[in-house]
């Protein structure tokens, strides 16, 4: 449940952020058209801060004017947010899953298929192992 709440919070944040961006982009073209006589002295920062401070008022104004760029941008934002929330793979990649492969510095227990590889390990009976161990200890002391 905690992961769902975090995902929902990030979805709302992404939706609001992208919608504010759409409001500013969709509103800038009519703003430039209304200030085309003196485009260099147009109060761009005032326009952008007004859109950021009053986004609902700006969006209702664009809906009343039937701004097609606002409708297209808002639809794209909603679709992208739904896709990013539910359909994007946020899974761990190959290098984040250390249990699938061995890497230097990864601390985990080895799995059976990593230890007992066919042709690399040889099974030795316990009695033979003890004889080999005793023989190697005697040879190293020089007693044999």
C-alpha atoms as a PDB file:
ATOM      1  CA  UNK A   1       0.000   0.000   0.000  1.00  0.00           C
ATOM      2  CA  UNK A   2       2.916   2.319   0.723  1.00  0.00           C
ATOM      3  CA  UNK A   3       4.265   1.895  -2.810  1.00  0.00           C
ATOM      4  CA  UNK A   4       0.848   2.672  -4.290  1.00  0.00           C
ATOM      5  CA  UNK A   5       0.614   5.903  -2.285  1.00  0.00           C
ATOM      6  CA  UNK A   6       4.055   6.983  -3.421  1.00  0.00           C
ATOM      7  CA  UNK A   7       3.214   6.173  -7.037  1.00  0.00           C
ATOM      8  CA  UNK A   8      -0.039   8.122  -6.749  1.00  0.00           C
ATOM      9  CA  UNK A   9       1.755  11.133  -5.257  1.00  0.00           C
ATOM     10  CA  UNK A  10       4.363  11.104  -8.035  1.00  0.00           C
ATOM     11  CA  UNK A  11       1.613  10.785 -10.642  1.00  0.00           C
ATOM     12  CA  UNK A  12      -0.206  13.835  -9.320  1.00  0.00           C
ATOM     13  CA  UNK A  13       3.052  15.794  -9.162  1.00  0.00           C
ATOM     14  CA  UNK A  14       3.920  14.853 -12.753  1.00  0.00           C
ATOM     15  CA  UNK A  15       0.420  15.709 -13.955  1.00  0.00           C
ATOM     16  CA  UNK A  16       0.447  19.145 -12.304  1.00  0.00           C
ATOM     17  CA  UNK A  17       3.952  19.972 -13.517  1.00  0.00           C
ATOM     18  CA  UNK A  18       3.249  19.000 -17.117  1.00  0.00           C
ATOM     19  CA  UNK A  19      -0.127  20.743 -17.109  1.00  0.00           C
ATOM     20  CA  UNK A  20       1.503  23.989 -15.949  1.00  0.00           C
ATOM     21  CA  UNK A  21       3.943  23.622 -18.815  1.00  0.00           C
ATOM     22  CA  UNK A  22       1.069  23.106 -21.281  1.00  0.00           C
ATOM     23  CA  UNK A  23      -0.770  26.160 -19.939  1.00  0.00           C
ATOM     24  CA  UNK A  24       2.280  28.353 -20.519  1.00  0.00           C
ATOM     25  CA  UNK A  25       3.074  26.943 -23.957  1.00  0.00           C
ATOM     26  CA  UNK A  26      -0.540  27.062 -25.148  1.00  0.00           C
ATOM     27  CA  UNK A  27      -0.976  30.599 -23.876  1.00  0.00           C
ATOM     28  CA  UNK A  28       2.251  32.058 -25.254  1.00  0.00           C
ATOM     29  CA  UNK A  29       1.147  32.048 -28.923  1.00  0.00           C
ATOM     30  CA  UNK A  30      -2.028  34.130 -28.371  1.00  0.00           C
ATOM     31  CA  UNK A  31       0.014  36.365 -26.052  1.00  0.00           C
ATOM     32  CA  UNK A  32       2.621  36.978 -28.753  1.00  0.00           C
ATOM     33  CA  UNK A  33      -0.146  37.597 -31.302  1.00  0.00           C
ATOM     34  CA  UNK A  34      -1.718  40.254 -29.079  1.00  0.00           C
ATOM     35  CA  UNK A  35       1.657  41.977 -28.530  1.00  0.00           C
ATOM     36  CA  UNK A  36       2.953  41.692 -32.094  1.00  0.00           C
ATOM     37  CA  UNK A  37       3.171  45.469 -32.516  1.00  0.00           C
ATOM     38  CA  UNK A  38       5.794  45.754 -29.770  1.00  0.00           C
ATOM     39  CA  UNK A  39       7.068  42.211 -29.247  1.00  0.00           C
ATOM     40  CA  UNK A  40      10.379  43.151 -27.601  1.00  0.00           C
ATOM     41  CA  UNK A  41       8.708  45.064 -24.739  1.00  0.00           C
ATOM     42  CA  UNK A  42       6.012  42.455 -24.060  1.00  0.00           C
ATOM     43  CA  UNK A  43       5.779  41.499 -20.368  1.00  0.00           C
ATOM     44  CA  UNK A  44       6.694  37.816 -20.794  1.00  0.00           C
ATOM     45  CA  UNK A  45       7.716  37.224 -17.193  1.00  0.00           C
ATOM     46  CA  UNK A  46       4.502  38.762 -15.911  1.00  0.00           C
ATOM     47  CA  UNK A  47       2.509  36.511 -18.250  1.00  0.00           C
ATOM     48  CA  UNK A  48       4.346  33.371 -17.135  1.00  0.00           C
ATOM     49  CA  UNK A  49       4.164  34.176 -13.405  1.00  0.00           C
ATOM     50  CA  UNK A  50       0.456  35.013 -13.753  1.00  0.00           C
ATOM     51  CA  UNK A  51      -0.114  31.609 -15.408  1.00  0.00           C
ATOM     52  CA  UNK A  52       1.847  29.836 -12.682  1.00  0.00           C
ATOM     53  CA  UNK A  53       0.061  31.668  -9.859  1.00  0.00           C
ATOM     54  CA  UNK A  54      -3.437  31.253 -11.305  1.00  0.00           C
ATOM     55  CA  UNK A  55      -3.430  28.089 -13.425  1.00  0.00           C
ATOM     56  CA  UNK A  56      -7.136  27.316 -13.040  1.00  0.00           C
ATOM     57  CA  UNK A  57      -8.123  30.785 -14.182  1.00  0.00           C
ATOM     58  CA  UNK A  58      -5.735  30.556 -17.136  1.00  0.00           C
ATOM     59  CA  UNK A  59      -6.974  27.117 -18.148  1.00  0.00           C
ATOM     60  CA  UNK A  60     -10.663  28.113 -17.933  1.00  0.00           C
ATOM     61  CA  UNK A  61      -9.870  31.158 -20.068  1.00  0.00           C
ATOM     62  CA  UNK A  62      -8.243  28.896 -22.672  1.00  0.00           C
ATOM     63  CA  UNK A  63     -11.219  26.523 -22.577  1.00  0.00           C
ATOM     64  CA  UNK A  64     -13.595  29.436 -23.171  1.00  0.00           C
ATOM     65  CA  UNK A  65     -11.485  30.575 -26.120  1.00  0.00           C
ATOM     66  CA  UNK A  66     -11.372  26.961 -27.409  1.00  0.00           C
ATOM     67  CA  UNK A  67      -7.584  26.974 -27.670  1.00  0.00           C
ATOM     68  CA  UNK A  68      -6.732  23.804 -29.680  1.00  0.00           C
ATOM     69  CA  UNK A  69      -3.135  23.750 -28.457  1.00  0.00           C
ATOM     70  CA  UNK A  70      -4.380  23.621 -24.862  1.00  0.00           C
ATOM     71  CA  UNK A  71      -6.727  20.714 -25.619  1.00  0.00           C
ATOM     72  CA  UNK A  72      -4.057  18.750 -27.491  1.00  0.00           C
ATOM     73  CA  UNK A  73      -1.434  19.419 -24.816  1.00  0.00           C
ATOM     74  CA  UNK A  74      -3.754  18.490 -21.969  1.00  0.00           C
ATOM     75  CA  UNK A  75      -4.769  15.263 -23.693  1.00  0.00           C
ATOM     76  CA  UNK A  76      -1.126  14.393 -24.302  1.00  0.00           C
ATOM     77  CA  UNK A  77      -0.252  15.136 -20.676  1.00  0.00           C
ATOM     78  CA  UNK A  78      -3.029  12.889 -19.374  1.00  0.00           C
ATOM     79  CA  UNK A  79      -2.089  10.039 -21.711  1.00  0.00           C
ATOM     80  CA  UNK A  80       1.624  10.345 -20.926  1.00  0.00           C
ATOM     81  CA  UNK A  81       0.970  10.443 -17.184  1.00  0.00           C
ATOM     82  CA  UNK A  82      -1.196   7.329 -17.344  1.00  0.00           C
ATOM     83  CA  UNK A  83       1.449   5.569 -19.436  1.00  0.00           C
ATOM     84  CA  UNK A  84       4.285   6.635 -17.131  1.00  0.00           C
ATOM     85  CA  UNK A  85       2.377   5.552 -14.049  1.00  0.00           C
ATOM     86  CA  UNK A  86       1.037   2.177 -15.059  1.00  0.00           C
ATOM     87  CA  UNK A  87       2.854   0.898 -18.131  1.00  0.00           C
ATOM     88  CA  UNK A  88       6.484   2.011 -17.921  1.00  0.00           C
ATOM     89  CA  UNK A  89       8.772  -0.684 -16.666  1.00  0.00           C
ATOM     90  CA  UNK A  90      10.427   0.535 -13.527  1.00  0.00           C
ATOM     91  CA  UNK A  91      11.972  -2.838 -12.844  1.00  0.00           C
ATOM     92  CA  UNK A  92      15.510  -3.411 -11.898  1.00  0.00           C
ATOM     93  CA  UNK A  93      17.980  -3.814 -14.686  1.00  0.00           C
ATOM     94  CA  UNK A  94      20.663  -6.437 -15.056  1.00  0.00           C
ATOM     95  CA  UNK A  95      23.202  -4.576 -12.979  1.00  0.00           C
ATOM     96  CA  UNK A  96      20.807  -3.930 -10.112  1.00  0.00           C
ATOM     97  CA  UNK A  97      19.995  -7.609  -9.595  1.00  0.00           C
ATOM     98  CA  UNK A  98      23.128  -9.115  -8.084  1.00  0.00           C
ATOM     99  CA  UNK A  99      21.494 -12.470  -7.463  1.00  0.00           C
ATOM    100  CA  UNK A 100      21.324 -13.218 -11.201  1.00  0.00           C
ATOM    101  CA  UNK A 101      25.066 -12.936 -11.772  1.00  0.00           C
ATOM    102  CA  UNK A 102      28.220 -12.592  -9.719  1.00  0.00           C
ATOM    103  CA  UNK A 103      29.966  -9.247  -9.476  1.00  0.00           C
ATOM    104  CA  UNK A 104      32.971  -8.067  -7.560  1.00  0.00           C
ATOM    105  CA  UNK A 105      31.830  -6.676  -4.245  1.00  0.00           C
ATOM    106  CA  UNK A 106      28.367  -8.171  -4.210  1.00  0.00           C
ATOM    107  CA  UNK A 107      27.589  -9.775  -0.896  1.00  0.00           C
ATOM    108  CA  UNK A 108      25.217 -12.654  -1.290  1.00  0.00           C
ATOM    109  CA  UNK A 109      25.181 -16.403  -0.825  1.00  0.00           C
ATOM    110  CA  UNK A 110      26.105 -18.427  -3.889  1.00  0.00           C
ATOM    111  CA  UNK A 111      23.434 -20.524  -5.466  1.00  0.00           C
ATOM    112  CA  UNK A 112      23.800 -24.262  -6.139  1.00  0.00           C
ATOM    113  CA  UNK A 113      24.076 -23.882  -9.898  1.00  0.00           C
ATOM    114  CA  UNK A 114      27.013 -21.498  -9.424  1.00  0.00           C
ATOM    115  CA  UNK A 115      28.951 -23.859  -7.128  1.00  0.00           C
ATOM    116  CA  UNK A 116      28.281 -27.244  -8.671  1.00  0.00           C
ATOM    117  CA  UNK A 117      28.872 -26.651 -12.357  1.00  0.00           C
ATOM    118  CA  UNK A 118      29.069 -29.729 -14.558  1.00  0.00           C
ATOM    119  CA  UNK A 119      32.685 -30.699 -15.202  1.00  0.00           C
ATOM    120  CA  UNK A 120      34.198 -28.187 -12.775  1.00  0.00           C
ATOM    121  CA  UNK A 121      33.603 -29.918  -9.460  1.00  0.00           C
ATOM    122  CA  UNK A 122      34.388 -33.507  -8.550  1.00  0.00           C
ATOM    123  CA  UNK A 123      32.628 -35.446  -5.824  1.00  0.00           C
ATOM    124  CA  UNK A 124      35.004 -37.235  -3.426  1.00  0.00           C
ATOM    125  CA  UNK A 125      33.883 -39.740  -0.782  1.00  0.00           C
ATOM    126  CA  UNK A 126      34.530 -38.679   2.831  1.00  0.00           C
ATOM    127  CA  UNK A 127      37.008 -41.533   3.551  1.00  0.00           C
ATOM    128  CA  UNK A 128      39.030 -40.726   0.442  1.00  0.00           C
ATOM    129  CA  UNK A 129      39.034 -37.043   1.400  1.00  0.00           C
ATOM    130  CA  UNK A 130      40.451 -37.849   4.842  1.00  0.00           C
ATOM    131  CA  UNK A 131      43.151 -40.113   3.338  1.00  0.00           C
ATOM    132  CA  UNK A 132      44.123 -37.396   0.870  1.00  0.00           C
ATOM    133  CA  UNK A 133      44.219 -34.811   3.670  1.00  0.00           C
ATOM    134  CA  UNK A 134      46.420 -36.988   5.887  1.00  0.00           C
ATOM    135  CA  UNK A 135      48.704 -37.792   2.981  1.00  0.00           C
ATOM    136  CA  UNK A 136      49.130 -34.140   2.094  1.00  0.00           C
ATOM    137  CA  UNK A 137      49.959 -33.279   5.717  1.00  0.00           C
ATOM    138  CA  UNK A 138      52.536 -36.063   5.933  1.00  0.00           C
ATOM    139  CA  UNK A 139      54.194 -35.047   2.652  1.00  0.00           C
ATOM    140  CA  UNK A 140      54.450 -31.434   3.709  1.00  0.00           C
ATOM    141  CA  UNK A 141      56.305 -32.455   6.919  1.00  0.00           C
ATOM    142  CA  UNK A 142      58.626 -34.678   4.981  1.00  0.00           C
ATOM    143  CA  UNK A 143      57.659 -37.862   6.823  1.00  0.00           C
ATOM    144  CA  UNK A 144      56.732 -39.945   3.805  1.00  0.00           C
END
